[in-house]
PDB file of N, CA and C in Angstrom:
ATOM      1  N   MET A   1       7.757  -6.635   7.536  1.00  0.00           N
ATOM      2  CA  MET A   1       6.882  -5.504   7.773  1.00  0.00           C
ATOM      3  C   MET A   1       6.072  -5.383   6.796  1.00  0.00           C
ATOM      4  N   LEU A   2       6.405  -6.522   5.799  1.00  0.00           N
ATOM      5  CA  LEU A   2       4.874  -6.777   4.403  1.00  0.00           C
ATOM      6  C   LEU A   2       4.105  -7.301   5.444  1.00  0.00           C
ATOM      7  N   ASP A   3       4.483  -8.623   5.730  1.00  0.00           N
ATOM      8  CA  ASP A   3       3.490  -9.579   6.053  1.00  0.00           C
ATOM      9  C   ASP A   3       2.600  -9.196   7.374  1.00  0.00           C
ATOM     10  N   ALA A   4       3.049  -7.740   7.738  1.00  0.00           N
ATOM     11  CA  ALA A   4       2.695  -7.508   8.942  1.00  0.00           C
ATOM     12  C   ALA A   4       1.230  -6.051   8.371  1.00  0.00           C
ATOM     13  N   LEU A   5       1.441  -5.823   7.132  1.00  0.00           N
ATOM     14  CA  LEU A   5       0.415  -5.115   6.415  1.00  0.00           C
ATOM     15  C   LEU A   5      -1.314  -5.465   6.748  1.00  0.00           C
ATOM     16  N   LYS A   6      -2.160  -3.900   6.918  1.00  0.00           N
ATOM     17  CA  LYS A   6      -2.988  -4.099   6.624  1.00  0.00           C
ATOM     18  C   LYS A   6      -3.822  -3.998   5.774  1.00  0.00           C
ATOM     19  N   MET A   7      -5.048  -3.941   5.793  1.00  0.00           N
ATOM     20  CA  MET A   7      -6.257  -2.779   5.529  1.00  0.00           C
ATOM     21  C   MET A   7      -6.206  -1.691   6.782  1.00  0.00           C
ATOM     22  N   GLY A   8      -6.169  -0.662   5.885  1.00  0.00           N
ATOM     23  CA  GLY A   8      -5.767   0.930   5.997  1.00  0.00           C
ATOM     24  C   GLY A   8      -5.315   1.423   7.458  1.00  0.00           C
ATOM     25  N   ASP A   9      -3.801   0.992   6.870  1.00  0.00           N
ATOM     26  CA  ASP A   9      -2.269   1.312   7.266  1.00  0.00           C
ATOM     27  C   ASP A   9      -1.722   2.400   5.933  1.00  0.00           C
ATOM     28  N   SER A  10      -1.841   3.135   6.464  1.00  0.00           N
ATOM     29  CA  SER A  10      -0.735   4.542   5.637  1.00  0.00           C
ATOM     30  C   SER A  10       0.544   4.110   5.371  1.00  0.00           C
ATOM     31  N   VAL A  11       0.968   4.053   3.668  1.00  0.00           N
ATOM     32  CA  VAL A  11       2.300   3.567   3.425  1.00  0.00           C
ATOM     33  C   VAL A  11       2.729   3.944   2.297  1.00  0.00           C
ATOM     34  N   LYS A  12       4.167   4.420   2.405  1.00  0.00           N
ATOM     35  CA  LYS A  12       4.706   4.810   1.459  1.00  0.00           C
ATOM     36  C   LYS A  12       5.676   3.673   0.007  1.00  0.00           C
ATOM     37  N   THR A  13       5.653   4.036  -0.748  1.00  0.00           N
ATOM     38  CA  THR A  13       5.912   2.948  -1.984  1.00  0.00           C
ATOM     39  C   THR A  13       7.754   3.343  -2.357  1.00  0.00           C
ATOM     40  N   ALA A  14       8.759   2.513  -3.050  1.00  0.00           N
ATOM     41  CA  ALA A  14       9.864   2.557  -3.545  1.00  0.00           C
ATOM     42  C   ALA A  14       9.421   3.605  -4.332  1.00  0.00           C
ATOM     43  N   ALA A  15       8.557   4.145  -4.929  1.00  0.00           N
ATOM     44  CA  ALA A  15       8.980   5.317  -5.581  1.00  0.00           C
ATOM     45  C   ALA A  15       8.180   6.220  -5.076  1.00  0.00           C
ATOM     46  N   GLY A  16       7.521   6.117  -4.395  1.00  0.00           N
ATOM     47  CA  GLY A  16       8.031   7.551  -3.432  1.00  0.00           C
ATOM     48  C   GLY A  16       6.039   7.797  -3.727  1.00  0.00           C
ATOM     49  N   ILE A  17       5.328   7.543  -3.588  1.00  0.00           N
ATOM     50  CA  ILE A  17       4.277   7.198  -3.765  1.00  0.00           C
ATOM     51  C   ILE A  17       2.743   6.892  -2.463  1.00  0.00           C
ATOM     52  N   HIS A  18       2.220   8.006  -2.161  1.00  0.00           N
ATOM     53  CA  HIS A  18       1.138   7.327  -0.213  1.00  0.00           C
ATOM     54  C   HIS A  18       0.256   7.383  -0.779  1.00  0.00           C
ATOM     55  N   GLY A  19      -0.098   6.536   0.094  1.00  0.00           N
ATOM     56  CA  GLY A  19      -1.414   6.067  -0.444  1.00  0.00           C
ATOM     57  C   GLY A  19      -2.086   5.133   0.910  1.00  0.00           C
ATOM     58  N   LYS A  20      -3.407   4.428   1.025  1.00  0.00           N
ATOM     59  CA  LYS A  20      -4.014   3.592   2.441  1.00  0.00           C
ATOM     60  C   LYS A  20      -4.419   2.919   1.497  1.00  0.00           C
ATOM     61  N   VAL A  21      -3.769   1.589   2.429  1.00  0.00           N
ATOM     62  CA  VAL A  21      -4.043   0.174   1.970  1.00  0.00           C
ATOM     63  C   VAL A  21      -5.900  -0.349   2.584  1.00  0.00           C
ATOM     64  N   THR A  22      -6.234  -0.420   1.003  1.00  0.00           N
ATOM     65  CA  THR A  22      -7.743  -0.913   0.891  1.00  0.00           C
ATOM     66  C   THR A  22      -7.734  -2.462   0.377  1.00  0.00           C
ATOM     67  N   ALA A  23      -6.786  -3.157  -0.516  1.00  0.00           N
ATOM     68  CA  ALA A  23      -7.766  -4.541  -0.550  1.00  0.00           C
ATOM     69  C   ALA A  23      -5.855  -5.075  -0.101  1.00  0.00           C
ATOM     70  N   LEU A  24      -5.316  -6.027   0.123  1.00  0.00           N
ATOM     71  CA  LEU A  24      -4.057  -6.685   0.156  1.00  0.00           C
ATOM     72  C   LEU A  24      -4.254  -7.889  -0.168  1.00  0.00           C
ATOM     73  N   ASP A  25      -3.176  -8.753  -1.291  1.00  0.00           N
ATOM     74  CA  ASP A  25      -3.196 -10.440  -1.005  1.00  0.00           C
ATOM     75  C   ASP A  25      -2.024 -10.414  -1.413  1.00  0.00           C
ATOM     76  N   ASP A  26      -1.484 -11.964  -1.428  1.00  0.00           N
ATOM     77  CA  ASP A  26      -0.151 -12.331  -1.477  1.00  0.00           C
ATOM     78  C   ASP A  26       0.741 -11.453  -2.237  1.00  0.00           C
ATOM     79  N   GLN A  27       0.761 -11.236  -3.378  1.00  0.00           N
ATOM     80  CA  GLN A  27       1.422 -11.026  -3.828  1.00  0.00           C
ATOM     81  C   GLN A  27       1.321  -9.324  -4.663  1.00  0.00           C
ATOM     82  N   VAL A  28       0.100  -8.612  -4.283  1.00  0.00           N
ATOM     83  CA  VAL A  28      -0.747  -7.307  -4.459  1.00  0.00           C
ATOM     84  C   VAL A  28      -1.031  -6.340  -3.590  1.00  0.00           C
ATOM     85  N   VAL A  29      -0.501  -4.807  -3.758  1.00  0.00           N
ATOM     86  CA  VAL A  29      -1.326  -4.583  -2.772  1.00  0.00           C
ATOM     87  C   VAL A  29      -2.266  -3.629  -3.304  1.00  0.00           C
ATOM     88  N   THR A  30      -3.425  -3.200  -2.683  1.00  0.00           N
ATOM     89  CA  THR A  30      -3.854  -2.119  -3.819  1.00  0.00           C
ATOM     90  C   THR A  30      -4.492  -0.196  -2.700  1.00  0.00           C
ATOM     91  N   LEU A  31      -3.463   0.211  -3.237  1.00  0.00           N
ATOM     92  CA  LEU A  31      -3.599   1.060  -2.733  1.00  0.00           C
ATOM     93  C   LEU A  31      -4.543   2.792  -3.153  1.00  0.00           C
ATOM     94  N   GLU A  32      -4.992   2.820  -2.161  1.00  0.00           N
ATOM     95  CA  GLU A  32      -6.079   4.583  -2.500  1.00  0.00           C
ATOM     96  C   GLU A  32      -5.429   5.345  -2.521  1.00  0.00           C
ATOM     97  N   ILE A  33      -5.057   6.051  -2.930  1.00  0.00           N
ATOM     98  CA  ILE A  33      -4.477   7.804  -3.041  1.00  0.00           C
ATOM     99  C   ILE A  33      -5.223   8.929  -3.220  1.00  0.00           C
ATOM    100  N   ALA A  34      -6.119   8.846  -3.366  1.00  0.00           N
ATOM    101  CA  ALA A  34      -6.571   9.840  -3.614  1.00  0.00           C
ATOM    102  C   ALA A  34      -8.125   9.044  -3.485  1.00  0.00           C
ATOM    103  N   THR A  35      -9.352  10.463  -3.089  1.00  0.00           N
ATOM    104  CA  THR A  35     -10.486   9.855  -3.165  1.00  0.00           C
ATOM    105  C   THR A  35     -11.234   8.860  -4.304  1.00  0.00           C
ATOM    106  N   GLY A  36     -11.429   7.911  -4.158  1.00  0.00           N
ATOM    107  CA  GLY A  36     -11.829   6.837  -5.269  1.00  0.00           C
ATOM    108  C   GLY A  36     -10.924   6.639  -6.195  1.00  0.00           C
ATOM    109  N   VAL A  37      -9.921   7.434  -5.868  1.00  0.00           N
ATOM    110  CA  VAL A  37      -8.633   6.821  -6.571  1.00  0.00           C
ATOM    111  C   VAL A  37      -7.178   5.438  -6.528  1.00  0.00           C
ATOM    112  N   LYS A  38      -7.471   4.289  -7.348  1.00  0.00           N
ATOM    113  CA  LYS A  38      -7.151   2.972  -6.271  1.00  0.00           C
ATOM    114  C   LYS A  38      -6.338   2.564  -7.034  1.00  0.00           C
ATOM    115  N   ILE A  39      -4.991   2.300  -6.752  1.00  0.00           N
ATOM    116  CA  ILE A  39      -3.978   1.483  -7.970  1.00  0.00           C
ATOM    117  C   ILE A  39      -3.773   0.449  -7.186  1.00  0.00           C
ATOM    118  N   LYS A  40      -3.548  -0.614  -7.513  1.00  0.00           N
ATOM    119  CA  LYS A  40      -2.366  -2.010  -7.989  1.00  0.00           C
ATOM    120  C   LYS A  40      -1.103  -2.115  -7.482  1.00  0.00           C
ATOM    121  N   ILE A  41       0.215  -2.527  -6.805  1.00  0.00           N
ATOM    122  CA  ILE A  41       1.246  -2.372  -7.146  1.00  0.00           C
ATOM    123  C   ILE A  41       1.488  -3.921  -6.086  1.00  0.00           C
ATOM    124  N   ASP A  42       2.635  -3.737  -6.672  1.00  0.00           N
ATOM    125  CA  ASP A  42       3.520  -5.260  -6.040  1.00  0.00           C
ATOM    126  C   ASP A  42       4.199  -5.353  -5.143  1.00  0.00           C
ATOM    127  N   LYS A  43       3.268  -6.085  -3.542  1.00  0.00           N
ATOM    128  CA  LYS A  43       3.482  -5.834  -2.568  1.00  0.00           C
ATOM    129  C   LYS A  43       5.607  -5.626  -2.128  1.00  0.00           C
ATOM    130  N   PRO A  44       6.441  -6.171  -2.574  1.00  0.00           N
ATOM    131  CA  PRO A  44       7.766  -5.644  -2.218  1.00  0.00           C
ATOM    132  C   PRO A  44       8.033  -3.957  -2.583  1.00  0.00           C
ATOM    133  N   PHE A  45       6.805  -3.688  -3.126  1.00  0.00           N
ATOM    134  CA  PHE A  45       7.527  -1.924  -3.414  1.00  0.00           C
ATOM    135  C   PHE A  45       7.227  -1.444  -2.231  1.00  0.00           C
ATOM    136  N   VAL A  46       6.100  -1.443  -1.669  1.00  0.00           N
ATOM    137  CA  VAL A  46       5.660  -0.926  -0.307  1.00  0.00           C
ATOM    138  C   VAL A  46       7.166  -1.003   0.727  1.00  0.00           C
ATOM    139  N   THR A  47       7.377   0.003   0.873  1.00  0.00           N
ATOM    140  CA  THR A  47       9.020   0.143   1.518  1.00  0.00           C
ATOM    141  C   THR A  47       8.771   0.979   2.749  1.00  0.00           C
ATOM    142  N   THR A  48       7.164   1.636   3.394  1.00  0.00           N
ATOM    143  CA  THR A  48       7.371   1.838   4.225  1.00  0.00           C
ATOM    144  C   THR A  48       5.815   2.216   4.967  1.00  0.00           C
ATOM    145  N   VAL A  49       5.649   1.547   6.634  1.00  0.00           N
ATOM    146  CA  VAL A  49       4.715   1.916   7.250  1.00  0.00           C
ATOM    147  C   VAL A  49       4.600   3.155   7.877  1.00  0.00           C
ATOM    148  N   VAL A  50       3.585   4.351   7.418  1.00  0.00           N
ATOM    149  CA  VAL A  50       3.744   5.821   7.988  1.00  0.00           C
ATOM    150  C   VAL A  50       2.773   5.535   8.945  1.00  0.00           C
ATOM    151  N   LYS A  51       3.457   6.661  10.488  1.00  0.00           N
ATOM    152  CA  LYS A  51       2.463   6.415  11.727  1.00  0.00           C
ATOM    153  C   LYS A  51       1.598   7.127  11.697  1.00  0.00           C
TER     154      LYS A  51
END
């Protein structure tokens, strides 16, 4: 699932944070959690892609 992540996916993290993927690399995912608010998390903490 983590290898299939792409920009624009809506995801949920292990901490329960919901956001949209705005950037990603091998180890870090950047999520927009509110308009203009972006956070970086370690990729393994993404647990679910929300449909």
